[in-house]
Every structure is written in structure tokens, then in C-alpha cells.
Amino acid sequence: MENMVVGEACHTVVCPSDRACIFTEVLRNIDTGIIILDLIKEEVFFKNYHAEKILKFIGAGYGFEDIASLMLNELAELKRPNVRRSSKTIVNCDHRSLGYTAYNLEGNQRYVAVFIQDITDQNRLEAIDEASEMMNNISYLFSGIRHEIGNPLNSMKMALTVVQNNFEKFTPEEFDVYMKRLFGDVYKMEALLKSFKNFNMFEKPKTAAVDLLDFFESLTQLIGADIRNKNIKITVDILPEARWAKVDTRALQHVAMNILANAMDALDGRRDAALKIKGEALNDIVMVSIIDNGCGMPEDLVKDVFKPFFTTKPHGTGLGLVISKKMLSQMNCGIDISSEKDIGTTVTLTMPRCAGADGRTTGLDPV
């Protein structure tokens, strides 16, 4: 009886071999496709009924060579150092969307597990959610355009009316006052239009392996004069395992510059002003946190920071973080902000982790 296992639910005695049979039967009938490849013998070690159904649906064969050929990129990705899971691949076939991911089994270089699911409904829900979010943003966008362009236009109209009615009465000095006011409103509109232009930048990001330590050290040197002028103590601490990420360098530079500019504004006039850039890794994700001990924001404002035209700055456009979030999403990256009034703000960027590349792109574009 020493090799017997007692089931907790029904108190029946189950032999280990029987338990393995039960687990196998569950895996065979589960509604997720499961395939296990034996890379040494080059054979299919296991596949369940759902996997066979999906392979048949997309017209793929059941043999090792057929499956390995279908998942050539994913298997190559798993051969890279420290990679346990491949990127998710989506296949569209006959109005259905199928997603699959390959995994290295822990402590075993011989077997690779592949999980396949029908994600059609999930994709449709995500598309509906994205469309809803887009409509909300468009609503905010047009409301903001009406307000941000309407105000300087009204101001210019009033100033021109005054100048027109007093053309022969005004002294050169009085004309100069109104000209400066008109040009100030023009500059505001130019800044807004420049921000709109950025919505179309980096539509197709070219991602590559980027050395984040080199990137942020170069970036802080680039803005070194502003940091010194404001007496800000800045540190860059990127852990070795978080050093490499797959991103578009120009897009990341644009995002990082915007975040650092916001942080330096928040630190203006603060005693012991400090800014820390910290990089950590979690599985296949790199997390870079930009932490300041500036003025911070209350919780009710934090939830609005990604809304178009929302800003706490007197002369801000409220588009910087909106554009940054768009750029990051195009690179499969994310952004999260936490803040506390009079304590400081932490902006965390999440990026796909990758191994270093010989032909790496780490240089910064001129500002």
C-alpha cells in the first residue's frame, strides 16, 4: 500500500499509474489544444483531440515535421538564452482566429509544449473594447480641439478688433503690446498642431534589441544641463537581467524624454530633488520605473492622465502621455502611473525582454 495514493474527495485508493492515466485523459479532452514535441527523437510525444481538430481545421499535418515547420519561428525563439516562452502567434483561418504559444519545459531541453486556443471571440471583444475606447478618445479629442484652438482664436479676434478700431490712435508701444499678444496666441496654436503631428509618428515601429543601460545613461547625459540647473540628483540602476528590451529606439526616446520632462517640472523648486531610473525583469518582461520625489498628484487626477488634453501644467497641451501610450502599445509595451500628492510620481514602462544582439541599436537621436 506504500505506493498507493488516497483521493481526498472520495477517499478511494488510487495507484500512481492510474493517476497518470486520469491526468492524461483530462489533457486529451480539455478544450485547449496541447502538443508536446520531442526535439531529440523528432517526434510528437503527445497531442490531444482539440489540437488535432485545430490542425485539421488549418490544413496542417499531424507529424513532427509538419508541426515544427508551422512553428519554426517559435522554436527558434526558444533556443535563445533565458527564453522560456515564445511570443504569441495568431493565425487567421476561415473567419476564425487561433493563437498558440510554445514553452520550454522547466529543467528539460528535450521537450517543448505548445498550447493552442481559438481566440476568435476574445479578439472580437477586444476589438469592440478598443473601438469603444477610440470613440471616447475621439470625443475628448474634438472637445479639446474646440477648446484649445477656440480660446486663442477668440483672443486673436478680440485683439485684432481692438487694433482695427484704434488703428489711428495707438502709439507704437500700444501696437507692440497687441502684436505680442497675437504672436503668443499663434505660438500656442503652433505647439498644438505640432503635438497633433506626433500622432502619426512611428506608425510602424522598427523594434530591435536595445541596451537600456546604455540608452538611459546616454539620455541623462543629453539632458544633463537641465538636471544640473535644477540641482536634481539622478541615478540609473538597470539590473543585468533587465538590460535588454525589444523596442524602437526613436519611439522610446520620445516617450522617455516626455516622462523625464514631466518629472523635472514636478521637481522644480523641491528641496533634495531626486530622480531615479530603475530597471527590473519579471519572466519575459522588463520593467523600467522613472521615480521622482516631486509635487505628485492626488488619486482623482491620476486616473485622467491618459485623456487627451488633460494637463496640470499652465502651458501644457495634454497630449504628451496620450501620444506616449500610443507609441508604446504599437511596440507591445505598456505604461502605468502611480502618484501621491507632495510625495512623488512613479511611471513604469513594461517592455518585451530579449537577449542582447551584436548589431544592437542604442544611440540616441539628436533632440
Protein backbone atom coordinates (compact mmCIF):
# COMPACT_ATOMS: atom_id res chain seq x y z
CA MET A 1 0.00 0.00 0.00
CA GLU A 2 3.01 2.33 0.33
CA ASN A 3 2.84 3.26 -3.38
CA MET A 4 -0.85 3.98 -3.28
CA VAL A 5 -2.38 7.49 -3.16
CA VAL A 6 -5.66 8.19 -1.37
CA GLY A 7 -8.01 10.56 -3.22
CA GLU A 8 -9.16 13.40 -0.95
CA ALA A 9 -12.68 13.73 -2.34
CA CYS A 10 -13.93 10.16 -2.34
CA HIS A 11 -11.31 8.51 -0.10
CA THR A 12 -10.65 5.86 -2.72
CA VAL A 13 -7.20 4.37 -3.16
CA VAL A 14 -5.57 5.42 -6.46
CA CYS A 15 -2.42 3.86 -7.89
CA PRO A 16 0.16 6.36 -9.26
CA SER A 17 -0.12 4.77 -12.70
CA ASP A 18 -3.89 5.21 -12.56
CA ARG A 19 -3.44 8.83 -11.54
CA ALA A 20 -1.20 9.41 -14.59
CA CYS A 21 -3.92 7.88 -16.77
CA ILE A 22 -6.51 10.21 -15.26
CA PHE A 23 -4.32 13.28 -15.91
CA THR A 24 -3.66 12.11 -19.47
CA GLU A 25 -7.36 11.62 -20.10
CA VAL A 26 -8.11 15.12 -18.79
CA LEU A 27 -5.43 16.62 -21.06
CA ARG A 28 -6.77 14.69 -24.04
CA ASN A 29 -10.28 16.10 -23.61
CA ILE A 30 -9.57 19.65 -22.45
CA ASP A 31 -10.75 22.37 -24.86
CA THR A 32 -7.25 23.81 -25.23
CA GLY A 33 -5.02 22.27 -27.87
CA ILE A 34 -1.91 20.72 -26.31
CA ILE A 35 1.07 19.38 -28.25
CA ILE A 36 4.35 18.14 -26.76
CA LEU A 37 7.28 17.75 -29.16
CA ASP A 38 10.30 15.54 -28.52
CA LEU A 39 13.15 17.54 -30.05
CA ILE A 40 15.72 14.75 -29.71
CA LYS A 41 13.71 11.95 -31.31
CA GLU A 42 11.97 14.48 -33.57
CA GLU A 43 8.54 13.07 -32.91
CA VAL A 44 5.24 14.17 -31.45
CA PHE A 45 5.29 12.93 -27.86
CA PHE A 46 1.69 13.95 -27.12
CA LYS A 47 -1.23 15.77 -28.74
CA ASN A 48 -4.80 15.93 -27.58
CA TYR A 49 -8.07 15.81 -29.50
CA HIS A 50 -8.51 19.58 -29.57
CA ALA A 51 -5.02 20.07 -31.06
CA GLU A 52 -5.83 17.53 -33.79
CA LYS A 53 -9.09 19.35 -34.50
CA ILE A 54 -7.32 22.69 -34.88
CA LEU A 55 -4.50 21.27 -37.02
CA LYS A 56 -7.09 19.72 -39.32
CA PHE A 57 -9.03 22.99 -39.46
CA ILE A 58 -5.99 24.99 -40.65
CA GLY A 59 -4.91 22.25 -43.03
CA ALA A 60 -1.71 21.30 -41.19
CA GLY A 61 -0.34 17.78 -40.82
CA TYR A 62 -0.07 15.89 -37.55
CA GLY A 63 3.57 14.78 -37.88
CA PHE A 64 6.63 16.27 -36.20
CA GLU A 65 7.97 17.87 -39.39
CA ASP A 66 4.59 19.43 -40.19
CA ILE A 67 4.20 20.95 -36.72
CA ALA A 68 7.86 22.01 -36.46
CA SER A 69 7.59 23.71 -39.84
CA LEU A 70 4.42 25.52 -38.75
CA MET A 71 6.11 26.71 -35.55
CA LEU A 72 9.57 27.32 -36.98
CA ASN A 73 9.88 30.88 -35.63
CA GLU A 74 8.60 29.95 -32.17
CA LEU A 75 11.01 27.01 -31.83
CA ALA A 76 13.90 29.23 -32.96
CA GLU A 77 12.89 31.82 -30.36
CA LEU A 78 13.02 29.20 -27.60
CA LYS A 79 16.65 28.39 -28.46
CA ARG A 80 17.74 31.86 -27.33
CA PRO A 81 19.25 32.18 -23.81
CA ASN A 82 16.83 32.75 -20.92
CA VAL A 83 13.74 32.42 -23.14
CA ARG A 84 11.15 30.09 -21.63
CA ARG A 85 8.14 31.12 -23.71
CA SER A 86 7.76 32.20 -27.33
CA SER A 87 5.78 35.21 -28.45
CA LYS A 88 2.11 34.54 -29.01
CA THR A 89 1.32 33.82 -32.67
CA ILE A 90 -2.12 34.41 -34.15
CA VAL A 91 -3.32 32.56 -37.26
CA ASN A 92 -6.48 33.69 -39.06
CA CYS A 93 -8.32 30.99 -41.00
CA ASP A 94 -11.87 30.95 -42.37
CA HIS A 95 -13.05 33.86 -40.16
CA ARG A 96 -11.55 32.28 -37.04
CA SER A 97 -8.53 33.42 -35.01
CA LEU A 98 -6.25 30.83 -33.45
CA GLY A 99 -3.46 31.71 -31.04
CA TYR A 100 -0.58 29.48 -29.98
CA THR A 101 2.49 29.76 -27.77
CA ALA A 102 5.41 27.38 -27.32
CA TYR A 103 7.07 26.74 -23.94
CA ASN A 104 10.34 25.18 -22.83
CA LEU A 105 9.60 22.71 -20.04
CA GLU A 106 11.49 23.76 -16.92
CA GLY A 107 14.74 21.88 -16.44
CA ASN A 108 14.21 19.90 -19.65
CA GLN A 109 15.74 20.79 -23.01
CA ARG A 110 14.23 17.79 -24.77
CA TYR A 111 10.53 18.60 -24.77
CA VAL A 112 8.61 21.67 -25.96
CA ALA A 113 4.96 22.20 -25.09
CA VAL A 114 2.62 24.07 -27.42
CA PHE A 115 -0.76 25.43 -26.31
CA ILE A 116 -3.33 26.36 -28.98
CA GLN A 117 -6.65 28.14 -28.42
CA ASP A 118 -9.48 29.52 -30.52
CA ILE A 119 -9.38 33.23 -29.60
CA THR A 120 -11.93 34.47 -32.14
CA ASP A 121 -14.45 35.63 -29.52
CA GLN A 122 -11.70 37.13 -27.38
CA ASN A 123 -10.39 39.11 -30.37
CA ARG A 124 -13.89 40.33 -31.18
CA LEU A 125 -14.45 41.53 -27.62
CA GLU A 126 -11.05 43.25 -27.62
CA ALA A 127 -11.91 44.90 -30.95
CA ILE A 128 -15.23 46.14 -29.53
CA ASP A 129 -13.49 47.42 -26.40
CA GLU A 130 -10.80 49.13 -28.49
CA ALA A 131 -13.43 50.72 -30.74
CA SER A 132 -15.33 51.96 -27.69
CA GLU A 133 -12.17 53.40 -26.18
CA MET A 134 -11.28 55.02 -29.50
CA MET A 135 -14.70 56.68 -29.70
CA ASN A 136 -14.26 58.01 -26.17
CA ASN A 137 -10.84 59.38 -27.07
CA ILE A 138 -12.19 60.93 -30.28
CA SER A 139 -14.91 62.61 -28.22
CA TYR A 140 -12.31 64.00 -25.82
CA LEU A 141 -10.11 64.94 -28.78
CA PHE A 142 -12.73 67.02 -30.59
CA SER A 143 -13.88 68.62 -27.37
CA GLY A 144 -10.28 69.53 -26.63
CA ILE A 145 -9.66 70.83 -30.16
CA ARG A 146 -12.69 73.11 -29.88
CA HIS A 147 -11.43 74.44 -26.56
CA GLU A 148 -7.67 74.61 -27.23
CA ILE A 149 -7.98 76.24 -30.66
CA GLY A 150 -11.13 78.23 -29.86
CA ASN A 151 -9.56 80.13 -26.97
CA PRO A 152 -6.55 81.59 -28.84
CA LEU A 153 -8.74 82.26 -31.90
CA ASN A 154 -11.19 84.28 -29.80
CA SER A 155 -8.29 86.09 -28.17
CA MET A 156 -6.80 86.94 -31.57
CA LYS A 157 -10.18 88.11 -32.86
CA MET A 158 -10.62 90.44 -29.89
CA ALA A 159 -7.08 91.80 -30.22
CA LEU A 160 -7.49 92.44 -33.97
CA THR A 161 -10.84 94.16 -33.37
CA VAL A 162 -9.24 96.48 -30.83
CA VAL A 163 -6.34 97.23 -33.17
CA GLN A 164 -8.71 97.86 -36.10
CA ASN A 165 -10.90 100.28 -34.10
CA ASN A 166 -7.90 102.15 -32.72
CA PHE A 167 -5.53 102.00 -35.67
CA GLU A 168 -5.00 105.79 -35.83
CA LYS A 169 -5.00 106.33 -32.05
CA PHE A 170 -2.49 103.74 -30.82
CA THR A 171 1.10 104.61 -30.11
CA PRO A 172 3.89 102.24 -31.33
CA GLU A 173 4.20 100.92 -27.79
CA GLU A 174 0.49 100.06 -27.65
CA PHE A 175 0.71 98.34 -31.04
CA ASP A 176 3.65 96.33 -29.73
CA VAL A 177 1.58 95.08 -26.76
CA TYR A 178 -1.16 93.76 -29.04
CA MET A 179 1.31 92.29 -31.56
CA LYS A 180 3.00 90.30 -28.77
CA ARG A 181 -0.40 89.08 -27.63
CA LEU A 182 -1.31 87.98 -31.17
CA PHE A 183 2.00 86.19 -31.70
CA GLY A 184 1.63 84.49 -28.31
CA ASP A 185 -1.70 83.02 -29.40
CA VAL A 186 -0.18 81.94 -32.73
CA TYR A 187 2.63 80.12 -30.89
CA LYS A 188 0.05 78.28 -28.76
CA MET A 189 -1.72 77.04 -31.88
CA GLU A 190 1.58 76.04 -33.47
CA ALA A 191 2.51 73.98 -30.39
CA LEU A 192 -0.88 72.26 -30.50
CA LEU A 193 -0.58 71.43 -34.22
CA LYS A 194 2.94 70.10 -33.63
CA SER A 195 1.53 67.75 -30.97
CA PHE A 196 -1.13 66.54 -33.42
CA LYS A 197 1.61 65.76 -35.92
CA ASN A 198 3.15 63.37 -33.39
CA PHE A 199 0.00 61.21 -33.51
CA ASN A 200 1.16 59.99 -36.92
CA MET A 201 4.80 59.43 -35.95
CA PHE A 202 6.25 55.92 -35.73
CA GLU A 203 3.14 54.26 -37.21
CA LYS A 204 5.27 51.21 -37.99
CA PRO A 205 7.91 50.95 -35.25
CA LYS A 206 11.10 49.10 -36.13
CA THR A 207 11.90 47.17 -32.98
CA ALA A 208 15.36 45.86 -32.20
CA ALA A 209 17.37 44.70 -29.18
CA VAL A 210 18.18 47.85 -27.18
CA ASP A 211 20.68 48.09 -24.32
CA LEU A 212 18.56 50.00 -21.77
CA LEU A 213 21.51 50.82 -19.51
CA ASP A 214 23.37 52.45 -22.39
CA PHE A 215 20.16 54.09 -23.60
CA PHE A 216 19.22 55.78 -20.31
CA GLU A 217 22.79 56.76 -19.44
CA SER A 218 23.06 58.48 -22.84
CA LEU A 219 19.65 60.08 -22.38
CA THR A 220 20.51 61.54 -18.97
CA GLN A 221 23.73 62.97 -20.42
CA LEU A 222 21.69 64.58 -23.17
CA ILE A 223 19.54 66.45 -20.63
CA GLY A 224 22.40 66.91 -18.18
CA ALA A 225 22.37 70.73 -18.37
CA ASP A 226 18.71 70.96 -17.29
CA ILE A 227 19.33 68.46 -14.48
CA ARG A 228 22.29 70.46 -13.16
CA ASN A 229 20.43 73.77 -13.42
CA LYS A 230 17.62 72.39 -11.25
CA ASN A 231 20.01 70.66 -8.79
CA ILE A 232 18.38 67.26 -9.38
CA LYS A 233 20.21 64.14 -8.22
CA ILE A 234 19.70 61.45 -10.84
CA THR A 235 20.63 57.76 -10.71
CA VAL A 236 20.32 54.98 -13.28
CA ASP A 237 20.06 51.46 -11.88
CA ILE A 238 19.29 48.86 -14.55
CA LEU A 239 19.79 45.30 -13.29
CA PRO A 240 21.78 42.99 -15.61
CA GLU A 241 18.78 40.74 -16.28
CA ALA A 242 16.72 43.79 -17.30
CA ARG A 243 19.33 45.33 -19.57
CA TRP A 244 17.92 44.31 -22.96
CA ALA A 245 14.47 45.01 -24.40
CA LYS A 246 12.93 44.83 -27.86
CA VAL A 247 11.76 48.35 -28.75
CA ASP A 248 12.02 51.10 -31.33
CA THR A 249 14.82 53.38 -30.12
CA ARG A 250 13.37 56.60 -31.55
CA ALA A 251 9.91 55.94 -30.13
CA LEU A 252 11.34 55.02 -26.70
CA GLN A 253 13.44 58.19 -26.74
CA HIS A 254 10.36 60.28 -27.47
CA VAL A 255 8.43 58.61 -24.63
CA ALA A 256 11.30 58.79 -22.12
CA MET A 257 12.00 62.46 -22.89
CA ASN A 258 8.35 63.32 -22.29
CA ILE A 259 8.30 61.45 -18.95
CA LEU A 260 11.59 62.99 -17.81
CA ALA A 261 10.40 66.48 -18.79
CA ASN A 262 7.26 65.96 -16.69
CA ALA A 263 9.37 64.70 -13.78
CA MET A 264 11.73 67.68 -13.91
CA ASP A 265 8.76 70.07 -13.96
CA ALA A 266 7.36 68.29 -10.89
CA LEU A 267 10.74 68.64 -9.14
CA ASP A 268 11.02 72.37 -9.81
CA GLY A 269 11.71 74.17 -6.54
CA ARG A 270 11.77 70.98 -4.44
CA ARG A 271 14.47 70.52 -1.84
CA ASP A 272 16.62 67.38 -2.24
CA ALA A 273 15.12 66.82 -5.70
CA ALA A 274 15.86 63.27 -6.86
CA LEU A 275 15.10 61.27 -9.99
CA LYS A 276 15.75 57.53 -10.24
CA ILE A 277 15.56 55.26 -13.27
CA LYS A 278 15.26 51.65 -12.11
CA GLY A 279 15.12 48.55 -14.31
CA GLU A 280 13.98 45.09 -13.21
CA ALA A 281 12.94 41.89 -15.00
CA LEU A 282 9.98 39.59 -14.43
CA ASN A 283 9.93 36.49 -16.65
CA ASP A 284 9.95 37.82 -20.23
CA ILE A 285 9.09 41.40 -19.27
CA VAL A 286 11.41 44.31 -18.47
CA MET A 287 10.01 46.96 -16.12
CA VAL A 288 11.65 50.39 -16.11
CA SER A 289 10.42 52.75 -13.40
CA ILE A 290 11.10 56.50 -13.54
CA ILE A 291 10.67 57.73 -9.97
CA ASP A 292 10.68 61.34 -8.75
CA ASN A 293 10.04 62.91 -5.35
CA GLY A 294 8.27 65.91 -6.85
CA CYS A 295 4.92 67.54 -6.16
CA GLY A 296 2.92 64.47 -7.23
CA MET A 297 -0.81 64.31 -7.95
CA PRO A 298 -3.89 63.26 -5.97
CA GLU A 299 -5.50 59.95 -6.89
CA ASP A 300 -8.51 61.56 -8.59
CA LEU A 301 -6.22 63.25 -11.12
CA VAL A 302 -4.06 60.20 -11.86
CA LYS A 303 -6.97 58.36 -13.48
CA ASP A 304 -7.29 61.15 -16.08
CA VAL A 305 -3.65 61.48 -17.15
CA PHE A 306 -4.14 59.49 -20.39
CA LYS A 307 -7.16 61.51 -21.53
CA PRO A 308 -6.44 63.84 -24.46
CA PHE A 309 -5.87 67.47 -23.40
CA PHE A 310 -5.82 66.67 -19.69
CA THR A 311 -2.90 68.55 -18.12
CA THR A 312 -1.88 70.08 -14.79
CA LYS A 313 0.61 72.41 -16.48
CA PRO A 314 -0.37 76.03 -17.22
CA HIS A 315 1.07 75.82 -20.75
CA GLY A 316 0.75 72.07 -21.44
CA THR A 317 -1.17 70.59 -24.36
CA GLY A 318 -2.27 67.43 -22.53
CA LEU A 319 -1.19 65.22 -25.45
CA GLY A 320 2.26 64.04 -24.34
CA LEU A 321 1.14 60.96 -22.39
CA VAL A 322 -1.59 60.13 -24.90
CA ILE A 323 0.99 60.00 -27.70
CA SER A 324 3.44 58.10 -25.50
CA LYS A 325 0.86 55.44 -24.67
CA LYS A 326 0.03 55.01 -28.36
CA MET A 327 3.70 54.61 -29.30
CA LEU A 328 4.27 52.05 -26.53
CA SER A 329 1.22 49.99 -27.46
CA GLN A 330 2.49 49.73 -31.04
CA MET A 331 5.66 48.08 -29.67
CA ASN A 332 3.76 45.67 -27.35
CA CYS A 333 4.83 47.84 -24.42
CA GLY A 334 2.80 49.38 -21.61
CA ILE A 335 2.80 52.33 -19.24
CA ASP A 336 1.42 52.75 -15.73
CA ILE A 337 1.47 55.80 -13.45
CA SER A 338 1.13 56.00 -9.70
CA SER A 339 1.38 59.25 -7.77
CA GLU A 340 0.80 60.75 -4.37
CA LYS A 341 0.35 64.43 -3.62
CA ASP A 342 3.53 66.04 -2.22
CA ILE A 343 5.29 62.63 -2.21
CA GLY A 344 6.16 61.99 -5.85
CA THR A 345 5.32 60.07 -9.00
CA THR A 346 6.39 56.71 -10.45
CA VAL A 347 5.99 55.98 -14.15
CA THR A 348 6.56 52.31 -15.03
CA LEU A 349 7.24 51.17 -18.58
CA THR A 350 6.86 47.48 -19.45
CA MET A 351 8.76 46.15 -22.47
CA PRO A 352 9.42 42.74 -24.05
CA ARG A 353 12.61 41.31 -22.65
CA CYS A 354 15.15 39.95 -25.12
CA ALA A 355 18.73 38.72 -25.34
CA GLY A 356 21.48 41.11 -26.38
CA ALA A 357 22.25 41.47 -30.06
CA ASP A 358 25.61 42.04 -31.69
CA GLY A 359 24.18 44.62 -34.02
CA ARG A 360 22.37 46.50 -31.30
CA THR A 361 20.89 49.96 -31.74
CA THR A 362 21.43 52.07 -28.63
CA GLY A 363 22.30 55.51 -29.95
CA LEU A 364 20.07 58.48 -29.32
CA ASP A 365 18.71 60.79 -31.98
CA PRO A 366 19.55 64.47 -31.67
CA VAL A 367 16.82 66.49 -29.99
